Amino acid sequence: MRRVEIKSQQEFTSVGGAGALMFIAGPLVSAYGYYKVLSASEYVDTSGFWILFWLGAIAAQAGIVLMLVGRKYDHQVTVLPAKGPSKLGERPEWS
């Protein structure tokens, strides 16, 4: 019987890094747009701030997808002999 050790590491590519930035910055941009809509007086055109609000919300959702797509994995597999049983029926001792 053999023992297999697998070490995995994940990194973001440039697409994943952009997704992380969008995921963090999107709600901040959206909150700023919504704050400006709420603090505007009655006769001010707020359509630009609503667009900013929705762009921030969409950017946060798109950032999640880009973080999932923009990942790179590195795996290192090592096969070791087990410290196993010498006779049939004995249980191996794993360290």
Protein backbone atom coordinates (compact mmCIF):
# COMPACT_ATOMS: atom_id res chain seq x y z
CA MET A 1 0.00 0.00 0.00
CA ARG A 2 1.29 3.48 -0.89
CA ARG A 3 0.69 6.84 0.68
CA VAL A 4 0.05 9.84 -1.58
CA GLU A 5 0.64 13.42 -0.44
CA ILE A 6 -0.79 16.24 -2.53
CA LYS A 7 0.11 19.88 -1.92
CA SER A 8 -2.01 22.39 -3.83
CA GLN A 9 -1.63 26.14 -4.21
CA GLN A 10 -3.99 28.60 -5.87
CA GLU A 11 -3.09 31.98 -7.33
CA PHE A 12 -5.08 34.63 -9.15
CA THR A 13 -4.22 35.51 -12.74
CA SER A 14 -4.67 39.07 -13.96
CA VAL A 15 -8.33 38.30 -14.66
CA GLY A 16 -8.80 36.99 -11.11
CA GLY A 17 -7.07 40.04 -9.65
CA ALA A 18 -9.38 42.33 -11.61
CA GLY A 19 -12.33 40.30 -10.34
CA ALA A 20 -11.18 40.71 -6.74
CA LEU A 21 -10.86 44.45 -7.25
CA MET A 22 -14.36 44.61 -8.77
CA PHE A 23 -15.78 42.51 -5.94
CA ILE A 24 -14.38 44.91 -3.33
CA ALA A 25 -14.86 48.21 -5.17
CA GLY A 26 -18.32 47.46 -6.58
CA PRO A 27 -20.27 47.80 -3.32
CA LEU A 28 -18.31 50.94 -2.41
CA VAL A 29 -19.19 52.58 -5.73
CA SER A 30 -22.78 51.46 -5.36
CA ALA A 31 -22.99 52.85 -1.82
CA TYR A 32 -21.62 56.19 -3.00
CA GLY A 33 -24.23 56.39 -5.77
CA TYR A 34 -27.03 55.49 -3.39
CA TYR A 35 -25.81 58.03 -0.82
CA LYS A 36 -25.86 60.75 -3.47
CA VAL A 37 -29.40 59.77 -4.50
CA LEU A 38 -30.63 59.95 -0.91
CA SER A 39 -28.87 63.22 -0.14
CA ALA A 40 -29.98 65.01 -3.32
CA SER A 41 -32.59 67.71 -3.09
CA GLU A 42 -36.01 67.28 -4.61
CA TYR A 43 -35.34 68.98 -7.97
CA VAL A 44 -31.92 67.53 -8.80
CA ASP A 45 -31.55 64.98 -11.61
CA THR A 46 -30.31 61.78 -9.97
CA SER A 47 -30.22 59.52 -13.04
CA GLY A 48 -26.41 59.57 -13.15
CA PHE A 49 -26.21 58.44 -9.55
CA TRP A 50 -28.68 55.63 -10.19
CA ILE A 51 -26.49 54.47 -13.07
CA LEU A 52 -23.49 54.55 -10.72
CA PHE A 53 -25.49 52.54 -8.17
CA TRP A 54 -26.37 49.82 -10.69
CA LEU A 55 -22.90 49.69 -12.22
CA GLY A 56 -21.43 49.06 -8.77
CA ALA A 57 -23.95 46.30 -8.10
CA ILE A 58 -23.25 44.62 -11.44
CA ALA A 59 -19.47 44.97 -10.96
CA ALA A 60 -19.66 43.15 -7.62
CA GLN A 61 -21.50 40.21 -9.19
CA ALA A 62 -19.20 40.10 -12.22
CA GLY A 63 -16.21 40.19 -9.88
CA ILE A 64 -17.28 36.89 -8.33
CA VAL A 65 -17.37 35.23 -11.74
CA LEU A 66 -13.99 36.66 -12.72
CA MET A 67 -12.44 35.44 -9.47
CA LEU A 68 -13.68 31.93 -10.22
CA VAL A 69 -12.48 31.99 -13.82
CA GLY A 70 -9.14 33.70 -13.16
CA ARG A 71 -7.49 31.12 -10.94
CA LYS A 72 -4.32 29.13 -11.51
CA TYR A 73 -3.57 25.94 -9.62
CA ASP A 74 -0.23 24.32 -8.86
CA HIS A 75 -0.20 20.74 -7.55
CA GLN A 76 2.75 18.79 -6.21
CA VAL A 77 2.15 15.05 -5.85
CA THR A 78 4.47 12.82 -3.84
CA VAL A 79 4.02 9.04 -3.66
CA LEU A 80 5.57 7.51 -0.54
CA PRO A 81 5.70 3.94 0.63
CA ALA A 82 3.34 3.41 3.53
CA LYS A 83 4.41 2.42 7.01
CA GLY A 84 1.97 -0.36 6.53
CA PRO A 85 1.27 -3.84 7.71
CA SER A 86 3.77 -6.57 7.14
CA LYS A 87 1.15 -9.31 7.40
CA LEU A 88 -2.26 -9.64 5.86
CA GLY A 89 -4.95 -8.27 8.15
CA GLU A 90 -2.80 -5.81 10.11
CA ARG A 91 -3.82 -2.14 10.08
CA PRO A 92 -1.37 0.49 8.84
CA GLU A 93 -0.26 3.26 11.17
CA TRP A 94 -0.46 6.63 9.47
CA SER A 95 1.67 9.45 10.70
